Amino acid sequence: MIQLHPNTNQAYQLLHDGTLALARAERQGIRVDVDYLKKKAKHLTRKIDYLEDKLMTTKFYRRWSHTVQGKPNMHSDPQLRTYLYSVLKLEPSKKTKTGMGSTDEEALLDLGIPEMRDLIQIKKLKNMRDTFLAGFEREQVDGYIHPFFNLNLVTTFRSSSDRPNFQNIPNRDKELMKLTRSALYPRPGHQLLEMDFSGLEVCIAACYHKDPTMIKYIKDPTSDMHGDMAAQLYMIDNFNRKLPEHNHLRKASKNGFVFPQFYGDYSGNCADYLTGRWGELPHGKWKPGQGVRLPEGHLSDHLISKGYKNVQGFADHVKRVEQDFWENRFPVYAKWKDSWWAQYQKLGYLHTKTGFTCSGVMSKNDAINYPVQGAAFHGLLWSFIRLDALMYREGWKSRLIGQVHDSIVFDIYPPELEMVLQIAKRTTTVDLPKHWTWINVPLNIDAELCGVDESWANKKEIEIP
């Protein structure tokens, strides 16, 4: 029998109030440029047709056609997988959970086949046209889309979005980001503002495991966990994040090692990501002059000088770093993961710090991550509710229009900008920790702002007064 958490009533109230606040954001909507959608869809169709015609003239495609005895389906992953790994007998650089050769972007690029770049681009453009732009046009009413936000569908007790999916609009891929977000605008005379919690899940995880090294990293603004890991992973003695090339490696370490380790990935995958996706090195034997440029030379030159000539050898180094990461850098975190997993195995459920209960069949990674991810979102939801209530009580002309992962999106009336920034910062970084006293580290929030009447693609970082 699952025992109720003492804060279960408060947890229900959070979702109740959150549903109402998000419903008001749905009603506000976000303005969409319908003419842009139509023109850009035609432009993308022409570009897709050109790339498909180009691909069909290649020897690679003609052999593929012969194999399937007809016109290949360029968008069928099973068909492409069979052709690459069963017919051409190519060795995949990575595999799926079921042991089959991967057909994701990184794996395809690792094959070193020129046609793969065109195939990847075709898939991206079709997804952009048929999922995002078509979705905006289909769902718009009188020039506005009104995305739904759901609080009852995700097992981690986070939110989801649909019709259209506001939380899946591209951001990291710069080309996709610009093409899709260029269709979205504030109300006439207004600005779009996005305020994003910085490292929220890392902070909330620290509230669970209480690792002193992690807490020190979070509390000390002069420390740099991702920079320290970049120096260790890439073996750079004089690491300097102010150098663009070193800062690139810092981002690689953050997204290719630190966060994957927190979420349960293993060193082999991390090594592939650090050298291939971020380092731009081939999967086979490395040669001088390959990979991203560094002050020390190309990445391949630097790693070869350290004794590593391919990703397999580098993976052994990353494995040693992984061992040091958990045994020496974050041993309390590692011990908490084991004890947390043992608790789930004994009880069959786990409580979040915000009063929710995670139960059912979970892997170790699920059991460790679900309570952290859920509680992190609940911090954002609590802030969203407070800002929504204040907005209506005080009669702001600015509006809350949605939330994306760890960020809140506003449609800002320019004379209210400074006020909204200050209130949002106080709500998220001062009032929230006072409300939940178990938050044992400082919370930070960043802001990105678009100009008056500019699209969401033009957001730029700004200082919060």
Protein backbone atom coordinates (compact mmCIF):
# COMPACT_ATOMS: atom_id res chain seq x y z
CA MET A 1 0.00 0.00 0.00
CA ILE A 2 1.33 3.42 -1.00
CA GLN A 3 1.59 5.82 1.92
CA LEU A 4 0.43 9.37 1.19
CA HIS A 5 3.06 12.08 1.44
CA PRO A 6 2.31 14.72 4.11
CA ASN A 7 2.14 17.35 1.36
CA THR A 8 -0.28 15.47 -0.91
CA ASN A 9 -3.06 18.04 -0.39
CA GLN A 10 -0.69 20.86 -1.31
CA ALA A 11 0.39 18.85 -4.37
CA TYR A 12 -3.21 18.59 -5.53
CA GLN A 13 -3.72 22.32 -4.99
CA LEU A 14 -0.61 23.07 -7.04
CA LEU A 15 -1.97 21.18 -10.04
CA HIS A 16 -5.44 22.64 -9.55
CA ASP A 17 -4.17 26.22 -9.50
CA GLY A 18 -1.65 25.46 -12.23
CA THR A 19 -4.34 24.15 -14.55
CA LEU A 20 -6.30 27.39 -14.18
CA ALA A 21 -3.23 29.59 -14.69
CA LEU A 22 -2.14 27.67 -17.79
CA ALA A 23 -5.69 27.75 -19.14
CA ARG A 24 -5.57 31.55 -18.99
CA ALA A 25 -2.26 31.44 -20.89
CA GLU A 26 -3.90 29.19 -23.51
CA ARG A 27 -6.69 31.72 -23.91
CA GLN A 28 -4.20 34.56 -24.51
CA GLY A 29 -2.37 32.74 -27.30
CA ILE A 30 0.54 33.95 -29.40
CA ARG A 31 0.28 35.83 -32.69
CA VAL A 32 1.34 33.97 -35.82
CA ASP A 33 2.23 35.37 -39.27
CA VAL A 34 0.01 33.28 -41.57
CA ASP A 35 1.43 34.80 -44.77
CA TYR A 36 4.93 33.85 -43.64
CA LEU A 37 3.78 30.28 -43.01
CA LYS A 38 2.40 29.93 -46.53
CA LYS A 39 5.42 31.49 -48.24
CA LYS A 40 7.95 29.55 -46.17
CA ALA A 41 6.13 26.25 -46.80
CA LYS A 42 6.41 26.81 -50.56
CA HIS A 43 10.09 27.75 -50.20
CA LEU A 44 10.80 24.61 -48.17
CA THR A 45 8.97 22.43 -50.70
CA ARG A 46 11.17 23.75 -53.51
CA LYS A 47 14.29 23.14 -51.42
CA ILE A 48 13.19 19.61 -50.50
CA ASP A 49 12.40 18.79 -54.14
CA TYR A 50 15.85 20.05 -55.20
CA LEU A 51 17.65 17.97 -52.59
CA GLU A 52 15.60 14.85 -53.40
CA ASP A 53 16.30 15.23 -57.12
CA LYS A 54 20.00 15.68 -56.35
CA LEU A 55 20.05 12.58 -54.16
CA MET A 56 18.28 10.46 -56.80
CA THR A 57 21.12 11.06 -59.29
CA THR A 58 23.72 9.43 -57.02
CA LYS A 59 25.12 5.93 -57.20
CA PHE A 60 24.14 5.49 -53.55
CA TYR A 61 20.45 6.04 -54.37
CA ARG A 62 20.46 3.92 -57.54
CA ARG A 63 21.83 0.95 -55.61
CA TRP A 64 19.28 1.55 -52.87
CA SER A 65 16.50 1.52 -55.53
CA HIS A 66 17.80 -1.76 -56.88
CA THR A 67 17.82 -3.25 -53.39
CA VAL A 68 14.17 -2.40 -52.64
CA GLN A 69 13.10 -3.02 -56.26
CA GLY A 70 11.35 0.32 -56.48
CA LYS A 71 11.51 3.86 -55.18
CA PRO A 72 13.16 3.98 -51.74
CA ASN A 73 11.33 5.69 -48.91
CA MET A 74 13.85 8.32 -47.84
CA HIS A 75 11.97 8.84 -44.59
CA SER A 76 11.78 5.20 -43.49
CA ASP A 77 14.36 4.52 -40.77
CA PRO A 78 13.90 0.71 -40.95
CA GLN A 79 14.45 0.74 -44.71
CA LEU A 80 17.50 2.98 -44.42
CA ARG A 81 18.89 0.87 -41.57
CA THR A 82 18.55 -2.31 -43.62
CA TYR A 83 20.28 -0.74 -46.61
CA LEU A 84 23.18 0.73 -44.63
CA TYR A 85 23.94 -2.06 -42.21
CA SER A 86 22.64 -5.23 -43.89
CA VAL A 87 23.18 -4.52 -47.59
CA LEU A 88 26.20 -2.21 -47.55
CA LYS A 89 27.59 -3.98 -44.46
CA LEU A 90 28.62 -0.68 -42.84
CA GLU A 91 29.62 -0.68 -39.19
CA PRO A 92 27.31 1.57 -37.09
CA SER A 93 29.03 3.99 -34.75
CA LYS A 94 26.21 3.55 -32.25
CA LYS A 95 23.27 1.24 -31.67
CA THR A 96 19.71 1.57 -30.44
CA LYS A 97 18.54 0.08 -27.15
CA THR A 98 17.40 -3.00 -29.08
CA GLY A 99 20.89 -3.50 -30.53
CA MET A 100 20.18 -2.31 -34.07
CA GLY A 101 22.34 0.19 -35.94
CA SER A 102 21.26 3.76 -35.20
CA THR A 103 19.94 6.09 -37.90
CA ASP A 104 20.03 9.28 -35.88
CA GLU A 105 21.89 12.30 -37.22
CA GLU A 106 25.12 11.65 -35.38
CA ALA A 107 25.29 8.00 -36.47
CA LEU A 108 24.58 8.86 -40.10
CA LEU A 109 27.24 11.56 -40.20
CA ASP A 110 29.76 9.15 -38.65
CA LEU A 111 29.43 6.91 -41.72
CA GLY A 112 31.27 9.50 -43.80
CA ILE A 113 28.89 9.13 -46.79
CA PRO A 114 28.31 12.51 -48.55
CA GLU A 115 24.70 11.63 -49.39
CA MET A 116 23.85 11.38 -45.69
CA ARG A 117 24.11 15.15 -45.29
CA ASP A 118 21.48 15.73 -47.97
CA LEU A 119 19.26 13.01 -46.50
CA ILE A 120 19.50 14.55 -43.03
CA GLN A 121 18.70 17.98 -44.44
CA ILE A 122 15.67 16.62 -46.31
CA LYS A 123 14.32 15.08 -43.10
CA LYS A 124 14.86 18.30 -41.17
CA LEU A 125 13.14 20.46 -43.76
CA LYS A 126 10.16 18.10 -44.11
CA ASN A 127 9.77 17.98 -40.33
CA MET A 128 9.92 21.76 -40.18
CA ARG A 129 7.33 22.17 -42.93
CA ASP A 130 4.92 19.37 -42.05
CA THR A 131 5.13 19.41 -38.23
CA PHE A 132 5.79 23.01 -37.20
CA LEU A 133 4.71 25.38 -39.97
CA ALA A 134 1.73 23.25 -41.02
CA GLY A 135 0.81 22.79 -37.38
CA PHE A 136 0.84 26.55 -36.75
CA GLU A 137 -1.33 27.19 -39.81
CA ARG A 138 -3.76 24.40 -38.97
CA GLU A 139 -4.23 25.50 -35.35
CA GLN A 140 -4.34 29.29 -35.80
CA VAL A 141 -7.59 31.13 -35.23
CA ASP A 142 -7.79 34.73 -36.41
CA GLY A 143 -3.99 34.92 -36.56
CA TYR A 144 -3.33 33.42 -33.09
CA ILE A 145 -2.40 29.93 -31.93
CA HIS A 146 -3.60 28.76 -28.53
CA PRO A 147 -1.40 25.83 -27.44
CA PHE A 148 -2.81 23.46 -24.81
CA PHE A 149 -0.78 22.80 -21.66
CA ASN A 150 -1.46 19.53 -19.86
CA LEU A 151 -0.65 18.58 -16.27
CA ASN A 152 -2.08 15.05 -16.31
CA LEU A 153 -0.13 13.16 -18.97
CA VAL A 154 3.56 12.98 -17.97
CA THR A 155 4.70 10.33 -15.47
CA THR A 156 7.28 12.72 -13.97
CA PHE A 157 4.48 15.18 -13.10
CA ARG A 158 5.88 17.72 -15.55
CA SER A 159 3.70 19.45 -18.14
CA SER A 160 3.18 18.67 -21.81
CA SER A 161 1.80 20.70 -24.70
CA ASP A 162 -0.14 20.02 -27.90
CA ARG A 163 -2.20 21.56 -30.72
CA PRO A 164 0.44 22.77 -31.45
CA ASN A 165 3.23 21.57 -29.17
CA PHE A 166 4.57 24.85 -27.79
CA GLN A 167 7.33 23.05 -25.90
CA ASN A 168 8.78 21.33 -28.97
CA ILE A 169 9.49 24.41 -31.08
CA PRO A 170 13.19 24.17 -32.09
CA ASN A 171 15.70 26.18 -30.09
CA ARG A 172 19.11 24.47 -30.22
CA ASP A 173 19.26 23.95 -34.00
CA LYS A 174 19.82 27.54 -35.15
CA GLU A 175 18.40 27.02 -38.66
CA LEU A 176 15.23 25.32 -37.45
CA MET A 177 14.87 27.84 -34.62
CA LYS A 178 15.00 30.82 -36.97
CA LEU A 179 12.62 29.33 -39.54
CA THR A 180 9.95 28.31 -37.02
CA ARG A 181 10.16 31.10 -34.45
CA SER A 182 10.17 33.73 -37.19
CA ALA A 183 6.45 32.95 -37.55
CA LEU A 184 5.61 33.86 -33.93
CA TYR A 185 5.04 37.45 -32.77
CA PRO A 186 3.76 39.40 -29.77
CA ARG A 187 0.63 41.48 -29.91
CA PRO A 188 1.08 44.69 -31.94
CA GLY A 189 3.29 47.13 -30.03
CA HIS A 190 4.43 44.45 -27.56
CA GLN A 191 7.57 42.32 -27.00
CA LEU A 192 8.16 38.65 -26.33
CA LEU A 193 10.10 37.90 -23.15
CA GLU A 194 11.39 34.48 -22.09
CA MET A 195 12.66 33.98 -18.54
CA ASP A 196 14.55 30.74 -17.97
CA PHE A 197 15.66 29.08 -14.72
CA SER A 198 19.41 28.47 -14.94
CA GLY A 199 20.37 24.84 -14.13
CA LEU A 200 17.11 24.25 -12.28
CA GLU A 201 17.22 20.44 -12.27
CA VAL A 202 20.82 20.44 -11.04
CA CYS A 203 19.76 22.72 -8.17
CA ILE A 204 16.75 20.59 -7.27
CA ALA A 205 18.84 17.42 -7.45
CA ALA A 206 21.18 18.98 -4.88
CA CYS A 207 18.19 19.39 -2.58
CA TYR A 208 17.78 15.61 -2.67
CA HIS A 209 21.35 14.30 -2.52
CA LYS A 210 23.00 17.23 -0.65
CA ASP A 211 26.44 16.51 -2.09
CA PRO A 212 28.75 19.19 -0.59
CA THR A 213 30.90 19.48 -3.71
CA MET A 214 27.84 20.05 -5.90
CA ILE A 215 26.42 22.58 -3.45
CA LYS A 216 29.74 24.42 -3.41
CA TYR A 217 29.73 24.59 -7.21
CA ILE A 218 26.20 25.99 -7.20
CA LYS A 219 26.80 28.53 -4.43
CA ASP A 220 30.22 29.77 -5.58
CA PRO A 221 29.85 31.96 -8.70
CA THR A 222 33.61 31.84 -9.27
CA SER A 223 33.61 28.05 -9.66
CA ASP A 224 32.92 26.31 -12.95
CA MET A 225 31.98 22.64 -12.88
CA HIS A 226 31.64 22.36 -16.67
CA GLY A 227 34.96 24.10 -17.24
CA ASP A 228 36.68 21.80 -14.76
CA MET A 229 35.25 18.78 -16.53
CA ALA A 230 36.26 20.11 -19.96
CA ALA A 231 39.84 20.51 -18.77
CA GLN A 232 39.86 16.97 -17.39
CA LEU A 233 38.07 15.30 -20.30
CA TYR A 234 40.05 17.00 -23.06
CA MET A 235 43.28 17.10 -21.01
CA ILE A 236 43.85 20.84 -21.37
CA ASP A 237 46.24 22.25 -18.77
CA ASN A 238 45.55 25.96 -19.32
CA PHE A 239 41.80 25.85 -19.84
CA ASN A 240 40.28 29.32 -20.34
CA ARG A 241 36.52 29.56 -20.95
CA LYS A 242 36.96 33.10 -22.28
CA LEU A 243 38.54 31.58 -25.39
CA PRO A 244 35.75 30.69 -27.87
CA GLU A 245 37.42 27.37 -28.69
CA HIS A 246 37.70 26.35 -25.03
CA ASN A 247 34.17 27.55 -24.33
CA HIS A 248 32.99 25.23 -27.10
CA LEU A 249 34.64 22.32 -25.27
CA ARG A 250 33.00 23.50 -22.05
CA LYS A 251 29.59 23.23 -23.73
CA ALA A 252 30.61 19.82 -25.04
CA SER A 253 31.47 18.65 -21.53
CA LYS A 254 28.24 20.07 -20.11
CA ASN A 255 25.94 18.50 -22.72
CA GLY A 256 28.05 15.50 -23.68
CA PHE A 257 29.24 14.30 -20.26
CA VAL A 258 28.00 16.09 -17.12
CA PHE A 259 24.27 16.07 -17.82
CA PRO A 260 24.32 12.59 -19.42
CA GLN A 261 26.09 11.30 -16.30
CA PHE A 262 23.48 12.91 -14.07
CA TYR A 263 20.73 11.24 -16.11
CA GLY A 264 22.35 7.82 -16.10
CA ASP A 265 24.25 7.56 -19.40
CA TYR A 266 27.58 5.72 -19.55
CA SER A 267 31.10 6.65 -20.61
CA GLY A 268 31.04 4.99 -24.05
CA ASN A 269 28.17 7.11 -25.30
CA CYS A 270 29.75 10.19 -23.74
CA ALA A 271 33.03 9.55 -25.58
CA ASP A 272 31.18 9.33 -28.91
CA TYR A 273 29.36 12.56 -28.19
CA LEU A 274 32.45 14.45 -27.02
CA THR A 275 34.51 13.54 -30.10
CA GLY A 276 31.88 13.14 -32.81
CA ARG A 277 28.96 15.50 -32.19
CA TRP A 278 30.98 18.24 -30.48
CA GLY A 279 34.53 17.50 -31.57
CA GLU A 280 33.63 16.88 -35.26
CA LEU A 281 35.98 13.90 -35.40
CA PRO A 282 35.27 10.78 -37.50
CA HIS A 283 34.47 7.50 -35.83
CA GLY A 284 37.46 5.70 -37.33
CA LYS A 285 41.16 6.38 -36.94
CA TRP A 286 41.96 10.06 -36.48
CA LYS A 287 44.38 11.91 -38.71
CA PRO A 288 46.20 15.23 -38.14
CA GLY A 289 44.16 18.31 -38.97
CA GLN A 290 40.73 16.88 -38.09
CA GLY A 291 38.03 18.14 -35.75
CA VAL A 292 37.31 21.53 -34.23
CA ARG A 293 40.07 24.11 -34.08
CA LEU A 294 41.74 24.80 -30.73
CA PRO A 295 44.49 27.21 -29.67
CA GLU A 296 46.52 24.02 -29.34
CA GLY A 297 45.75 23.05 -32.97
CA HIS A 298 43.02 20.78 -34.32
CA LEU A 299 41.34 18.51 -31.78
CA SER A 300 42.76 15.41 -33.47
CA ASP A 301 46.31 16.78 -33.16
CA HIS A 302 45.77 17.54 -29.48
CA LEU A 303 44.29 14.13 -28.64
CA ILE A 304 46.89 12.26 -30.69
CA SER A 305 49.59 14.09 -28.75
CA LYS A 306 47.96 12.73 -25.57
CA GLY A 307 48.13 9.18 -26.91
CA TYR A 308 44.58 8.75 -28.29
CA LYS A 309 44.19 7.97 -31.99
CA ASN A 310 40.50 6.99 -32.15
CA VAL A 311 37.29 7.15 -30.17
CA GLN A 312 37.78 3.65 -28.74
CA GLY A 313 41.00 4.70 -27.04
CA PHE A 314 39.50 7.99 -25.92
CA ALA A 315 36.56 6.05 -24.43
CA ASP A 316 38.98 4.34 -22.03
CA HIS A 317 40.07 7.77 -20.83
CA VAL A 318 36.45 8.93 -20.44
CA LYS A 319 35.70 5.77 -18.43
CA ARG A 320 38.47 6.70 -15.98
CA VAL A 321 37.08 10.24 -15.77
CA GLU A 322 33.62 8.80 -15.12
CA GLN A 323 34.98 6.71 -12.25
CA ASP A 324 36.72 9.75 -10.75
CA PHE A 325 33.55 11.82 -11.28
CA TRP A 326 31.47 9.59 -9.01
CA GLU A 327 34.08 8.25 -6.59
CA ASN A 328 36.05 11.44 -5.89
CA ARG A 329 34.20 14.49 -7.18
CA PHE A 330 30.60 13.62 -6.21
CA PRO A 331 30.73 10.60 -3.85
CA VAL A 332 27.74 11.73 -1.73
CA TYR A 333 25.63 12.09 -4.88
CA ALA A 334 26.67 8.58 -5.96
CA LYS A 335 25.77 7.11 -2.57
CA TRP A 336 22.39 8.85 -2.63
CA LYS A 337 21.59 7.34 -6.03
CA ASP A 338 22.21 3.83 -4.68
CA SER A 339 20.19 4.39 -1.50
CA TRP A 340 17.35 6.06 -3.44
CA TRP A 341 17.20 3.10 -5.82
CA ALA A 342 17.22 0.65 -2.91
CA GLN A 343 14.32 2.54 -1.34
CA TYR A 344 12.28 2.24 -4.55
CA GLN A 345 13.06 -1.48 -4.84
CA LYS A 346 11.82 -2.01 -1.30
CA LEU A 347 8.66 0.11 -1.48
CA GLY A 348 7.76 0.21 -5.17
CA TYR A 349 7.25 3.97 -5.07
CA LEU A 350 9.03 7.24 -4.26
CA HIS A 351 7.85 10.61 -2.98
CA THR A 352 8.89 13.91 -4.50
CA LYS A 353 9.72 16.84 -2.26
CA THR A 354 6.65 18.59 -3.63
CA GLY A 355 4.20 15.96 -2.35
CA PHE A 356 3.71 13.72 -5.38
CA THR A 357 4.19 9.94 -5.52
CA CYS A 358 6.07 8.24 -8.38
CA SER A 359 5.13 4.56 -8.64
CA GLY A 360 4.95 1.73 -11.14
CA VAL A 361 7.73 -0.03 -13.03
CA MET A 362 10.84 2.15 -13.18
CA SER A 363 14.46 1.62 -14.14
CA LYS A 364 17.18 2.92 -11.84
CA ASN A 365 17.57 6.01 -14.03
CA ASP A 366 13.82 6.61 -13.90
CA ALA A 367 13.69 6.26 -10.12
CA ILE A 368 16.54 8.77 -9.71
CA ASN A 369 15.39 11.29 -12.30
CA TYR A 370 11.59 11.36 -12.04
CA PRO A 371 11.36 12.99 -8.58
CA VAL A 372 14.00 15.58 -9.54
CA GLN A 373 12.40 16.46 -12.88
CA GLY A 374 8.95 16.68 -11.36
CA ALA A 375 9.98 18.86 -8.42
CA ALA A 376 11.96 21.17 -10.72
CA PHE A 377 8.90 21.76 -12.90
CA HIS A 378 6.73 22.33 -9.84
CA GLY A 379 9.01 25.19 -8.85
CA LEU A 380 8.36 26.80 -12.22
CA LEU A 381 4.63 26.06 -11.95
CA TRP A 382 4.42 27.62 -8.49
CA SER A 383 6.11 30.75 -9.88
CA PHE A 384 3.79 30.78 -12.92
CA ILE A 385 0.73 30.63 -10.67
CA ARG A 386 1.95 33.52 -8.50
CA LEU A 387 2.79 35.69 -11.51
CA ASP A 388 -0.56 34.90 -13.14
CA ALA A 389 -2.47 35.88 -9.99
CA LEU A 390 -0.51 39.11 -9.60
CA MET A 391 -0.97 40.00 -13.27
CA TYR A 392 -4.75 39.78 -13.04
CA ARG A 393 -5.00 41.37 -9.59
CA GLU A 394 -2.97 44.41 -10.62
CA GLY A 395 -4.39 44.65 -14.14
CA TRP A 396 -1.17 44.33 -16.15
CA LYS A 397 -1.33 44.87 -19.88
CA SER A 398 1.44 42.28 -20.19
CA ARG A 399 0.36 38.65 -20.42
CA LEU A 400 1.69 35.20 -19.59
CA ILE A 401 1.36 33.14 -22.77
CA GLY A 402 3.08 29.83 -22.00
CA GLN A 403 5.95 27.83 -20.54
CA VAL A 404 8.68 25.82 -22.22
CA HIS A 405 10.55 23.31 -20.02
CA ASP A 406 12.25 25.57 -17.42
CA SER A 407 11.15 28.91 -18.86
CA ILE A 408 8.14 31.22 -18.70
CA VAL A 409 7.09 33.19 -21.80
CA PHE A 410 5.49 36.66 -21.58
CA ASP A 411 3.85 38.99 -24.06
CA ILE A 412 5.16 42.28 -22.67
CA TYR A 413 3.67 45.75 -22.79
CA PRO A 414 6.96 47.75 -23.08
CA PRO A 415 6.30 50.29 -20.27
CA GLU A 416 5.86 47.32 -17.88
CA LEU A 417 9.07 45.52 -18.89
CA GLU A 418 11.29 46.55 -15.97
CA MET A 419 8.51 45.90 -13.46
CA VAL A 420 7.82 42.41 -14.84
CA LEU A 421 11.52 41.52 -14.86
CA GLN A 422 11.96 42.55 -11.24
CA ILE A 423 8.79 40.84 -10.00
CA ALA A 424 9.55 37.63 -11.91
CA LYS A 425 13.09 37.52 -10.54
CA ARG A 426 11.86 38.05 -6.97
CA THR A 427 9.14 35.43 -7.37
CA THR A 428 11.45 32.74 -8.76
CA THR A 429 14.63 33.33 -6.76
CA VAL A 430 13.38 34.76 -3.42
CA ASP A 431 9.74 33.87 -2.84
CA LEU A 432 9.99 30.28 -4.11
CA PRO A 433 12.83 29.23 -1.74
CA LYS A 434 10.95 30.89 1.13
CA HIS A 435 7.84 28.88 0.26
CA TRP A 436 9.73 25.57 -0.01
CA THR A 437 12.32 25.73 2.72
CA TRP A 438 13.87 22.42 1.60
CA ILE A 439 15.51 24.32 -1.29
CA ASN A 440 19.08 24.50 0.00
CA VAL A 441 20.85 26.28 -2.89
CA PRO A 442 20.34 29.64 -4.59
CA LEU A 443 18.13 29.71 -7.69
CA ASN A 444 18.97 31.87 -10.71
CA ILE A 445 16.96 33.03 -13.68
CA ASP A 446 18.02 34.48 -17.05
CA ALA A 447 16.05 36.62 -19.50
CA GLU A 448 15.90 36.88 -23.30
CA LEU A 449 13.94 39.68 -24.95
CA CYS A 450 12.75 40.44 -28.48
CA GLY A 451 12.36 43.98 -29.79
CA VAL A 452 8.96 45.62 -30.13
CA ASP A 453 6.97 43.85 -32.88
CA GLU A 454 9.88 41.45 -33.52
CA SER A 455 9.48 37.70 -33.92
CA TRP A 456 10.52 35.13 -31.34
CA ALA A 457 13.55 34.32 -33.49
CA ASN A 458 15.13 37.66 -32.54
CA LYS A 459 15.44 37.11 -28.80
CA LYS A 460 18.63 38.39 -27.15
CA GLU A 461 19.95 38.02 -23.62
CA ILE A 462 19.35 40.98 -21.32
CA GLU A 463 20.32 41.89 -17.78
CA ILE A 464 17.61 41.75 -15.13
CA PRO A 465 17.64 44.98 -13.08
